[in-house]
């Protein structure tokens, strides 16, 4: 786990730094035992590299790493979830008074969020099928598959924890319709490392592209579900204090799912063989 964390820390460095020093530092990390101090030093070095980005030879415009964007978005969704589901008295009652359309919208939003989560998990099945086909006779694919399995084992723990904590919280009818909107983007962010790792093996290129298409469908369904929630809030005449965290969660969640789908599709189309740079949008 420490070695995996050290490799992840290296990906947090600016792209220009990784291109100039990444291979050398990566070889040092591989050749020596990895201790907690090693991971801490790498993280501190990443922070220093970003603070002094302009001093790196060949540095371009400052970019936020995709990993940082997704982790930050996940934490924001977590903090917004309880206020976002803190259903004000009367919101659902006023929406339900509009007639059967309220229940139909609630069911639509819930179904779309569930379908988005299932579709995101389908991308893992597509990658797994490629692993079974190619890893038995392709050395590069076999090494990549082992790395994918180690990463999947590590990511399964936070994914299960988030699912248990979210699903065990009591929510009202309106909260039930929105819960998936706070969970699906986190699930997709946890899925993302696996297709990115898979793209290191050319044999997995078609599977990565197929996974990207599945994630794009999941992102689309996530956005449509939030539209149904928005109509419910209008029908329920929700107060600004209630709408604000919900709108913030929707914006963050839709952005996260779009980033995940876009990056996976890009890696599947290019067939890049390097480990993902995880650089995000220009700031």
Foldseek 3Di string as FASTA:
>chain_A
DLLVLLVVLLLLADPLCCVVCVVVVNVVSVVDDGDPVSSVVSNVVRVVCLVPVVVRPPRDFDFGFLLVLLVVLLVLLVVLLCLLQVDDPQLLVLLCVVDPLLVVLLVLLLVLLVLLQVLLVVLVVLLVVLLVVPLVPDVQSVVLVVVLVVLCVVLVVVLVVVVVVLVPDDGDSLSSSCSSLSNSLNSLSSSLLNLLSNLLDLSCLVSLLVSLVSLVSSLVSSLVSVVSSVVSSVSSVDDPSNVVSSVVSNVSSSVSSVVSSVVSNVSSVVSDNDRDSRTDDGD
